[in-house]
Amino acid sequence: MSETIKDRVVAIIAEQAVLEPGDVRLDQTLEDLGIESLGLVESIFAIEEAFDISVPFNANDPSESEFDISSVAAIIKAVEGLVAEQAA
C-alpha cells in the first residue's frame, strides 16, 4: 500500500512536532503543533526532499508566496500542487 502525499506530509509535520501522525489534525496550524520558525524550515526541507520539489523561498511569508502554510491542510494542498506541476 503506497503512502499518499497527505500521509507523508502529516508524518513529516508530526516528526517535527514530536507527535504521532494520528495526533495531527488538518485544521491545525504549525504554531498549534508547537513548530516554530526553525521547525518550519526543517519541515520544508524534509518535504522538498521527500517529494523532490522546490518550495518557493518566501513560503514563510504567505502574502508573498503561493505556498500556503496557514494550516496542515493548506500545506498538503500546496505540496500536491507542486507535485502536480512537476509531473506535468
Protein backbone atom coordinates (compact mmCIF):
# COMPACT_ATOMS: atom_id res chain seq x y z
CA MET A 1 0.00 0.00 0.00
CA SER A 2 1.53 3.30 -1.06
CA GLU A 3 1.65 6.39 1.10
CA THR A 4 -0.36 9.35 -0.11
CA ILE A 5 1.01 12.88 -0.26
CA LYS A 6 -1.24 13.69 2.70
CA ASP A 7 0.16 10.81 4.77
CA ARG A 8 3.76 11.75 4.02
CA VAL A 9 3.26 15.45 4.78
CA VAL A 10 1.45 14.66 8.03
CA ALA A 11 4.24 12.25 9.02
CA ILE A 12 6.90 14.92 8.36
CA ILE A 13 4.99 17.54 10.35
CA ALA A 14 4.30 15.08 13.17
CA GLU A 15 8.01 14.23 13.38
CA GLN A 16 8.90 17.92 13.71
CA ALA A 17 6.24 18.38 16.39
CA VAL A 18 7.36 15.18 18.19
CA LEU A 19 3.84 13.78 17.87
CA GLU A 20 2.27 10.70 16.38
CA PRO A 21 0.77 11.30 12.92
CA GLY A 22 -2.67 10.45 14.34
CA ASP A 23 -2.36 13.42 16.70
CA VAL A 24 -2.02 15.91 13.83
CA ARG A 25 -5.32 17.40 12.63
CA LEU A 26 -5.70 19.02 9.22
CA ASP A 27 -7.16 22.21 10.70
CA GLN A 28 -4.17 22.82 12.98
CA THR A 29 -1.52 25.41 12.30
CA LEU A 30 2.16 24.67 12.75
CA GLU A 31 2.06 27.04 15.72
CA ASP A 32 -0.75 24.94 17.25
CA LEU A 33 1.59 21.96 16.98
CA GLY A 34 4.46 23.81 18.65
CA ILE A 35 6.50 24.16 15.45
CA GLU A 36 8.35 27.48 15.35
CA SER A 37 10.46 29.06 12.61
CA LEU A 38 13.38 26.62 12.76
CA GLY A 39 10.96 23.69 12.77
CA LEU A 40 9.17 25.23 9.79
CA VAL A 41 12.42 25.43 7.85
CA GLU A 42 13.30 21.85 8.76
CA SER A 43 9.80 20.71 7.76
CA ILE A 44 10.08 22.48 4.40
CA PHE A 45 13.49 20.87 3.74
CA ALA A 46 12.08 17.44 4.63
CA ILE A 47 9.07 17.99 2.35
CA GLU A 48 11.32 19.11 -0.51
CA GLU A 49 13.49 16.03 -0.08
CA ALA A 50 10.57 13.61 0.28
CA PHE A 51 8.81 14.82 -2.87
CA ASP A 52 11.80 16.06 -4.90
CA ILE A 53 10.22 19.52 -5.23
CA SER A 54 11.30 23.10 -4.54
CA VAL A 55 9.16 25.10 -2.17
CA PRO A 56 9.27 28.83 -3.01
CA PHE A 57 11.90 30.58 -0.87
CA ASN A 58 9.39 33.03 0.61
CA ALA A 59 6.98 30.36 1.80
CA ASN A 60 7.22 31.71 5.34
CA ASP A 61 5.58 34.96 4.18
CA PRO A 62 2.16 33.88 2.91
CA SER A 63 1.46 37.32 1.44
CA GLU A 64 4.49 36.90 -0.83
CA SER A 65 4.07 33.25 -1.78
CA GLU A 66 1.60 30.87 -3.38
CA PHE A 67 2.79 28.15 -0.95
CA ASP A 68 0.27 28.42 1.89
CA ILE A 69 1.48 27.35 5.34
CA SER A 70 -1.57 28.55 7.27
CA SER A 71 -2.66 25.03 8.26
CA VAL A 72 -1.71 21.38 7.82
CA ALA A 73 -4.42 21.04 5.14
CA ALA A 74 -3.07 24.11 3.29
CA ILE A 75 0.45 22.68 3.31
CA ILE A 76 -0.83 19.37 1.91
CA LYS A 77 -2.73 21.21 -0.85
CA ALA A 78 0.35 23.29 -1.71
CA VAL A 79 2.58 20.20 -1.87
CA GLU A 80 0.02 18.43 -4.07
CA GLY A 81 0.11 21.43 -6.40
CA LEU A 82 3.90 21.44 -6.63
CA VAL A 83 4.00 17.66 -7.22
CA ALA A 84 1.36 18.01 -9.97
CA GLU A 85 3.33 20.87 -11.61
CA GLN A 86 6.47 18.77 -11.59
CA ALA A 87 4.65 15.82 -13.16
CA ALA A 88 3.21 17.98 -15.94
